[in-house]
Amino acid sequence: MLFVRQRTAHILSLQSMVCRCSGQRISVNPITQLTSADTAAIFSDSQLGFTARCHMETIGLAYALPQPTSAISAF
């Protein structure tokens, strides 16, 4: 449950960054498919680009985690 909450927090933070810096609204699916080249195009500032890439890596790691089995989630 905490991984889902953490992933959601990073997605919302990245959405907010994109909206604040570029004025564009972006939904969840495009955010999960962003590449480093996309972030370079969206964020001209290197520090914002770095922060966006960190968010994307964390979001990607949360998707890559194995799903709990039914026996584990029953506890």
PDB file of N, CA and C in Angstrom:
ATOM      1  N   MET A   1       0.819  -1.190   0.000  1.00  0.00           N
ATOM      2  CA  MET A   1       0.000   0.000   0.000  1.00  0.00           C
ATOM      3  C   MET A   1       0.862   1.252   0.000  1.00  0.00           C
ATOM      4  N   LEU A   2       1.952   1.233   0.723  1.00  0.00           N
ATOM      5  CA  LEU A   2       2.813   2.408   0.766  1.00  0.00           C
ATOM      6  C   LEU A   2       3.474   2.690  -0.573  1.00  0.00           C
ATOM      7  N   PHE A   3       3.781   1.635  -1.345  1.00  0.00           N
ATOM      8  CA  PHE A   3       4.387   1.844  -2.661  1.00  0.00           C
ATOM      9  C   PHE A   3       3.413   2.539  -3.596  1.00  0.00           C
ATOM     10  N   VAL A   4       2.151   2.169  -3.520  1.00  0.00           N
ATOM     11  CA  VAL A   4       1.132   2.805  -4.352  1.00  0.00           C
ATOM     12  C   VAL A   4       0.994   4.273  -3.981  1.00  0.00           C
ATOM     13  N   ARG A   5       0.980   4.553  -2.704  1.00  0.00           N
ATOM     14  CA  ARG A   5       0.868   5.935  -2.233  1.00  0.00           C
ATOM     15  C   ARG A   5       2.087   6.750  -2.650  1.00  0.00           C
ATOM     16  N   GLN A   6       3.269   6.162  -2.545  1.00  0.00           N
ATOM     17  CA  GLN A   6       4.498   6.858  -2.931  1.00  0.00           C
ATOM     18  C   GLN A   6       4.518   7.122  -4.429  1.00  0.00           C
ATOM     19  N   ARG A   7       4.128   6.129  -5.227  1.00  0.00           N
ATOM     20  CA  ARG A   7       4.091   6.305  -6.683  1.00  0.00           C
ATOM     21  C   ARG A   7       3.100   7.394  -7.059  1.00  0.00           C
ATOM     22  N   THR A   8       1.934   7.391  -6.421  1.00  0.00           N
ATOM     23  CA  THR A   8       0.920   8.403  -6.694  1.00  0.00           C
ATOM     24  C   THR A   8       1.425   9.787  -6.329  1.00  0.00           C
ATOM     25  N   ALA A   9       2.135   9.903  -5.227  1.00  0.00           N
ATOM     26  CA  ALA A   9       2.683  11.197  -4.815  1.00  0.00           C
ATOM     27  C   ALA A   9       3.690  11.714  -5.839  1.00  0.00           C
ATOM     28  N   HIS A  10       4.525  10.829  -6.375  1.00  0.00           N
ATOM     29  CA  HIS A  10       5.505  11.255  -7.376  1.00  0.00           C
ATOM     30  C   HIS A  10       4.830  11.637  -8.691  1.00  0.00           C
ATOM     31  N   ILE A  11       3.794  10.908  -9.070  1.00  0.00           N
ATOM     32  CA  ILE A  11       3.063  11.255 -10.295  1.00  0.00           C
ATOM     33  C   ILE A  11       2.409  12.627 -10.146  1.00  0.00           C
ATOM     34  N   LEU A  12       1.770  12.881  -9.015  1.00  0.00           N
ATOM     35  CA  LEU A  12       1.128  14.168  -8.790  1.00  0.00           C
ATOM     36  C   LEU A  12       2.145  15.304  -8.730  1.00  0.00           C
ATOM     37  N   SER A  13       3.282  15.040  -8.134  1.00  0.00           N
ATOM     38  CA  SER A  13       4.333  16.053  -8.067  1.00  0.00           C
ATOM     39  C   SER A  13       4.867  16.385  -9.451  1.00  0.00           C
ATOM     40  N   LEU A  14       5.074  15.368 -10.267  1.00  0.00           N
ATOM     41  CA  LEU A  14       5.558  15.596 -11.624  1.00  0.00           C
ATOM     42  C   LEU A  14       4.509  16.314 -12.462  1.00  0.00           C
ATOM     43  N   GLN A  15       3.231  15.964 -12.300  1.00  0.00           N
ATOM     44  CA  GLN A  15       2.162  16.677 -12.996  1.00  0.00           C
ATOM     45  C   GLN A  15       2.175  18.152 -12.615  1.00  0.00           C
ATOM     46  N   SER A  16       2.331  18.428 -11.343  1.00  0.00           N
ATOM     47  CA  SER A  16       2.362  19.800 -10.866  1.00  0.00           C
ATOM     48  C   SER A  16       3.559  20.568 -11.429  1.00  0.00           C
ATOM     49  N   MET A  17       4.714  19.911 -11.491  1.00  0.00           N
ATOM     50  CA  MET A  17       5.908  20.555 -12.050  1.00  0.00           C
ATOM     51  C   MET A  17       5.701  20.926 -13.509  1.00  0.00           C
ATOM     52  N   VAL A  18       5.143  20.001 -14.281  1.00  0.00           N
ATOM     53  CA  VAL A  18       4.913  20.261 -15.706  1.00  0.00           C
ATOM     54  C   VAL A  18       3.941  21.420 -15.879  1.00  0.00           C
ATOM     55  N   CYS A  19       2.863  21.412 -15.119  1.00  0.00           N
ATOM     56  CA  CYS A  19       1.866  22.468 -15.215  1.00  0.00           C
ATOM     57  C   CYS A  19       2.448  23.822 -14.795  1.00  0.00           C
ATOM     58  N   ARG A  20       3.215  23.825 -13.735  1.00  0.00           N
ATOM     59  CA  ARG A  20       3.787  25.064 -13.210  1.00  0.00           C
ATOM     60  C   ARG A  20       4.840  25.656 -14.140  1.00  0.00           C
ATOM     61  N   CYS A  21       5.651  24.804 -14.753  1.00  0.00           N
ATOM     62  CA  CYS A  21       6.779  25.292 -15.555  1.00  0.00           C
ATOM     63  C   CYS A  21       6.436  25.536 -17.019  1.00  0.00           C
ATOM     64  N   SER A  22       5.492  24.749 -17.562  1.00  0.00           N
ATOM     65  CA  SER A  22       5.210  24.889 -18.987  1.00  0.00           C
ATOM     66  C   SER A  22       3.786  25.346 -19.275  1.00  0.00           C
ATOM     67  N   GLY A  23       2.913  25.290 -18.295  1.00  0.00           N
ATOM     68  CA  GLY A  23       1.526  25.667 -18.507  1.00  0.00           C
ATOM     69  C   GLY A  23       0.709  24.578 -19.175  1.00  0.00           C
ATOM     70  N   GLN A  24       1.297  23.409 -19.385  1.00  0.00           N
ATOM     71  CA  GLN A  24       0.598  22.287 -20.017  1.00  0.00           C
ATOM     72  C   GLN A  24       0.032  21.371 -18.946  1.00  0.00           C
ATOM     73  N   ARG A  25      -1.148  20.827 -19.233  1.00  0.00           N
ATOM     74  CA  ARG A  25      -1.711  19.800 -18.352  1.00  0.00           C
ATOM     75  C   ARG A  25      -1.389  18.458 -18.971  1.00  0.00           C
ATOM     76  N   ILE A  26      -0.990  17.520 -18.136  1.00  0.00           N
ATOM     77  CA  ILE A  26      -0.606  16.195 -18.625  1.00  0.00           C
ATOM     78  C   ILE A  26      -1.252  15.153 -17.725  1.00  0.00           C
ATOM     79  N   SER A  27      -1.787  14.101 -18.321  1.00  0.00           N
ATOM     80  CA  SER A  27      -2.471  13.066 -17.536  1.00  0.00           C
ATOM     81  C   SER A  27      -1.474  11.996 -17.082  1.00  0.00           C
ATOM     82  N   VAL A  28      -1.977  11.013 -16.389  1.00  0.00           N
ATOM     83  CA  VAL A  28      -1.126   9.993 -15.771  1.00  0.00           C
ATOM     84  C   VAL A  28      -0.419   9.129 -16.812  1.00  0.00           C
ATOM     85  N   ASN A  29      -1.127   8.655 -17.820  1.00  0.00           N
ATOM     86  CA  ASN A  29      -0.506   7.757 -18.800  1.00  0.00           C
ATOM     87  C   ASN A  29       0.694   8.385 -19.509  1.00  0.00           C
ATOM     88  N   PRO A  30       0.578   9.608 -20.016  1.00  0.00           N
ATOM     89  CA  PRO A  30       1.776  10.201 -20.625  1.00  0.00           C
ATOM     90  C   PRO A  30       2.919  10.412 -19.633  1.00  0.00           C
ATOM     91  N   ILE A  31       2.589  10.665 -18.381  1.00  0.00           N
ATOM     92  CA  ILE A  31       3.652  10.856 -17.385  1.00  0.00           C
ATOM     93  C   ILE A  31       4.435   9.570 -17.190  1.00  0.00           C
ATOM     94  N   THR A  32       3.747   8.444 -17.161  1.00  0.00           N
ATOM     95  CA  THR A  32       4.445   7.181 -16.938  1.00  0.00           C
ATOM     96  C   THR A  32       5.266   6.763 -18.156  1.00  0.00           C
ATOM     97  N   GLN A  33       5.037   7.414 -19.305  1.00  0.00           N
ATOM     98  CA  GLN A  33       5.756   7.067 -20.521  1.00  0.00           C
ATOM     99  C   GLN A  33       6.794   8.114 -20.927  1.00  0.00           C
ATOM    100  N   LEU A  34       7.029   9.108 -20.084  1.00  0.00           N
ATOM    101  CA  LEU A  34       8.021  10.141 -20.400  1.00  0.00           C
ATOM    102  C   LEU A  34       9.424   9.541 -20.476  1.00  0.00           C
ATOM    103  N   THR A  35      10.246  10.126 -21.321  1.00  0.00           N
ATOM    104  CA  THR A  35      11.647   9.741 -21.422  1.00  0.00           C
ATOM    105  C   THR A  35      12.514  10.909 -20.982  1.00  0.00           C
ATOM    106  N   SER A  36      13.800  10.677 -20.879  1.00  0.00           N
ATOM    107  CA  SER A  36      14.717  11.755 -20.506  1.00  0.00           C
ATOM    108  C   SER A  36      14.718  12.859 -21.547  1.00  0.00           C
ATOM    109  N   ALA A  37      14.567  12.495 -22.809  1.00  0.00           N
ATOM    110  CA  ALA A  37      14.511  13.505 -23.870  1.00  0.00           C
ATOM    111  C   ALA A  37      13.261  14.375 -23.727  1.00  0.00           C
ATOM    112  N   ASP A  38      12.165  13.768 -23.307  1.00  0.00           N
ATOM    113  CA  ASP A  38      10.934  14.531 -23.095  1.00  0.00           C
ATOM    114  C   ASP A  38      11.107  15.540 -21.967  1.00  0.00           C
ATOM    115  N   THR A  39      11.751  15.125 -20.897  1.00  0.00           N
ATOM    116  CA  THR A  39      11.941  16.046 -19.785  1.00  0.00           C
ATOM    117  C   THR A  39      12.875  17.185 -20.172  1.00  0.00           C
ATOM    118  N   ALA A  40      13.865  16.907 -21.013  1.00  0.00           N
ATOM    119  CA  ALA A  40      14.755  17.972 -21.474  1.00  0.00           C
ATOM    120  C   ALA A  40      13.986  18.984 -22.314  1.00  0.00           C
ATOM    121  N   ALA A  41      12.997  18.510 -23.069  1.00  0.00           N
ATOM    122  CA  ALA A  41      12.196  19.414 -23.890  1.00  0.00           C
ATOM    123  C   ALA A  41      11.229  20.236 -23.035  1.00  0.00           C
ATOM    124  N   ILE A  42      10.709  19.640 -21.969  1.00  0.00           N
ATOM    125  CA  ILE A  42       9.741  20.334 -21.118  1.00  0.00           C
ATOM    126  C   ILE A  42      10.425  21.315 -20.185  1.00  0.00           C
ATOM    127  N   PHE A  43      11.523  20.877 -19.559  1.00  0.00           N
ATOM    128  CA  PHE A  43      12.200  21.691 -18.550  1.00  0.00           C
ATOM    129  C   PHE A  43      13.525  22.199 -19.100  1.00  0.00           C
ATOM    130  N   SER A  44      13.618  23.504 -19.272  1.00  0.00           N
ATOM    131  CA  SER A  44      14.870  24.072 -19.784  1.00  0.00           C
ATOM    132  C   SER A  44      15.927  24.164 -18.674  1.00  0.00           C
ATOM    133  N   ASP A  45      15.491  24.273 -17.435  1.00  0.00           N
ATOM    134  CA  ASP A  45      16.417  24.349 -16.311  1.00  0.00           C
ATOM    135  C   ASP A  45      16.928  22.958 -15.975  1.00  0.00           C
ATOM    136  N   SER A  46      18.233  22.826 -15.818  1.00  0.00           N
ATOM    137  CA  SER A  46      18.826  21.505 -15.567  1.00  0.00           C
ATOM    138  C   SER A  46      18.394  20.925 -14.220  1.00  0.00           C
ATOM    139  N   GLN A  47      18.203  21.774 -13.219  1.00  0.00           N
ATOM    140  CA  GLN A  47      17.797  21.274 -11.907  1.00  0.00           C
ATOM    141  C   GLN A  47      16.361  20.733 -11.932  1.00  0.00           C
ATOM    142  N   LEU A  48      15.483  21.404 -12.660  1.00  0.00           N
ATOM    143  CA  LEU A  48      14.124  20.899 -12.794  1.00  0.00           C
ATOM    144  C   LEU A  48      14.111  19.603 -13.590  1.00  0.00           C
ATOM    145  N   GLY A  49      14.932  19.520 -14.619  1.00  0.00           N
ATOM    146  CA  GLY A  49      15.032  18.290 -15.403  1.00  0.00           C
ATOM    147  C   GLY A  49      15.531  17.134 -14.562  1.00  0.00           C
ATOM    148  N   PHE A  50      16.520  17.417 -13.708  1.00  0.00           N
ATOM    149  CA  PHE A  50      17.047  16.381 -12.823  1.00  0.00           C
ATOM    150  C   PHE A  50      15.969  15.895 -11.851  1.00  0.00           C
ATOM    151  N   THR A  51      15.214  16.833 -11.278  1.00  0.00           N
ATOM    152  CA  THR A  51      14.145  16.477 -10.354  1.00  0.00           C
ATOM    153  C   THR A  51      13.077  15.643 -11.059  1.00  0.00           C
ATOM    154  N   ALA A  52      12.744  16.033 -12.291  1.00  0.00           N
ATOM    155  CA  ALA A  52      11.746  15.285 -13.057  1.00  0.00           C
ATOM    156  C   ALA A  52      12.236  13.871 -13.349  1.00  0.00           C
ATOM    157  N   ARG A  53      13.515  13.731 -13.702  1.00  0.00           N
ATOM    158  CA  ARG A  53      14.061  12.395 -13.973  1.00  0.00           C
ATOM    159  C   ARG A  53      14.045  11.534 -12.708  1.00  0.00           C
ATOM    160  N   CYS A  54      14.313  12.133 -11.552  1.00  0.00           N
ATOM    161  CA  CYS A  54      14.250  11.385 -10.288  1.00  0.00           C
ATOM    162  C   CYS A  54      12.827  10.902 -10.017  1.00  0.00           C
ATOM    163  N   HIS A  55      11.841  11.776 -10.264  1.00  0.00           N
ATOM    164  CA  HIS A  55      10.448  11.362 -10.102  1.00  0.00           C
ATOM    165  C   HIS A  55      10.134  10.205 -11.045  1.00  0.00           C
ATOM    166  N   MET A  56      10.574  10.314 -12.301  1.00  0.00           N
ATOM    167  CA  MET A  56      10.283   9.269 -13.281  1.00  0.00           C
ATOM    168  C   MET A  56      10.925   7.945 -12.898  1.00  0.00           C
ATOM    169  N   GLU A  57      12.140   7.982 -12.381  1.00  0.00           N
ATOM    170  CA  GLU A  57      12.791   6.738 -11.967  1.00  0.00           C
ATOM    171  C   GLU A  57      12.048   6.099 -10.803  1.00  0.00           C
ATOM    172  N   THR A  58      11.592   6.909  -9.859  1.00  0.00           N
ATOM    173  CA  THR A  58      10.852   6.376  -8.721  1.00  0.00           C
ATOM    174  C   THR A  58       9.519   5.793  -9.180  1.00  0.00           C
ATOM    175  N   ILE A  59       8.843   6.470 -10.100  1.00  0.00           N
ATOM    176  CA  ILE A  59       7.587   5.952 -10.636  1.00  0.00           C
ATOM    177  C   ILE A  59       7.840   4.636 -11.355  1.00  0.00           C
ATOM    178  N   GLY A  60       8.907   4.561 -12.140  1.00  0.00           N
ATOM    179  CA  GLY A  60       9.238   3.335 -12.861  1.00  0.00           C
ATOM    180  C   GLY A  60       9.579   2.190 -11.940  1.00  0.00           C
ATOM    181  N   LEU A  61      10.281   2.483 -10.838  1.00  0.00           N
ATOM    182  CA  LEU A  61      10.613   1.435  -9.875  1.00  0.00           C
ATOM    183  C   LEU A  61       9.360   0.898  -9.207  1.00  0.00           C
ATOM    184  N   ALA A  62       8.405   1.768  -8.929  1.00  0.00           N
ATOM    185  CA  ALA A  62       7.170   1.315  -8.288  1.00  0.00           C
ATOM    186  C   ALA A  62       6.386   0.404  -9.222  1.00  0.00           C
ATOM    187  N   TYR A  63       6.438   0.669 -10.529  1.00  0.00           N
ATOM    188  CA  TYR A  63       5.757  -0.212 -11.483  1.00  0.00           C
ATOM    189  C   TYR A  63       6.492  -1.535 -11.628  1.00  0.00           C
ATOM    190  N   ALA A  64       7.813  -1.533 -11.423  1.00  0.00           N
ATOM    191  CA  ALA A  64       8.610  -2.736 -11.640  1.00  0.00           C
ATOM    192  C   ALA A  64       8.581  -3.694 -10.450  1.00  0.00           C
ATOM    193  N   LEU A  65       8.095  -3.248  -9.310  1.00  0.00           N
ATOM    194  CA  LEU A  65       8.071  -4.113  -8.130  1.00  0.00           C
ATOM    195  C   LEU A  65       7.123  -5.286  -8.354  1.00  0.00           C
ATOM    196  N   PRO A  66       7.500  -6.450  -7.880  1.00  0.00           N
ATOM    197  CA  PRO A  66       6.597  -7.604  -8.031  1.00  0.00           C
ATOM    198  C   PRO A  66       5.332  -7.395  -7.211  1.00  0.00           C
ATOM    199  N   GLN A  67       4.235  -7.863  -7.741  1.00  0.00           N
ATOM    200  CA  GLN A  67       2.956  -7.754  -7.045  1.00  0.00           C
ATOM    201  C   GLN A  67       2.888  -8.806  -5.942  1.00  0.00           C
ATOM    202  N   PRO A  68       2.337  -8.458  -4.783  1.00  0.00           N
ATOM    203  CA  PRO A  68       2.238  -9.444  -3.701  1.00  0.00           C
ATOM    204  C   PRO A  68       1.278 -10.567  -4.073  1.00  0.00           C
ATOM    205  N   THR A  69       1.600 -11.741  -3.593  1.00  0.00           N
ATOM    206  CA  THR A  69       0.708 -12.872  -3.861  1.00  0.00           C
ATOM    207  C   THR A  69      -0.493 -12.784  -2.947  1.00  0.00           C
ATOM    208  N   SER A  70      -1.491 -13.570  -3.237  1.00  0.00           N
ATOM    209  CA  SER A  70      -2.710 -13.515  -2.437  1.00  0.00           C
ATOM    210  C   SER A  70      -2.458 -13.988  -1.012  1.00  0.00           C
ATOM    211  N   ALA A  71      -1.492 -14.903  -0.819  1.00  0.00           N
ATOM    212  CA  ALA A  71      -1.200 -15.390   0.523  1.00  0.00           C
ATOM    213  C   ALA A  71      -0.573 -14.286   1.373  1.00  0.00           C
ATOM    214  N   ILE A  72       0.265 -13.469   0.762  1.00  0.00           N
ATOM    215  CA  ILE A  72       0.911 -12.394   1.511  1.00  0.00           C
ATOM    216  C   ILE A  72      -0.088 -11.286   1.791  1.00  0.00           C
ATOM    217  N   SER A  73      -0.897 -10.932   0.791  1.00  0.00           N
ATOM    218  CA  SER A  73      -1.830  -9.828   0.979  1.00  0.00           C
ATOM    219  C   SER A  73      -2.983 -10.175   1.913  1.00  0.00           C
ATOM    220  N   ALA A  74      -3.140 -11.446   2.250  1.00  0.00           N
ATOM    221  CA  ALA A  74      -4.198 -11.845   3.179  1.00  0.00           C
ATOM    222  C   ALA A  74      -3.881 -11.452   4.612  1.00  0.00           C
ATOM    223  N   PHE A  75      -2.607 -11.206   4.912  1.00  0.00           N
ATOM    224  CA  PHE A  75      -2.223 -10.850   6.277  1.00  0.00           C
ATOM    225  C   PHE A  75      -2.611  -9.473   6.602  1.00  0.00           C
TER     226      PHE A  75
END
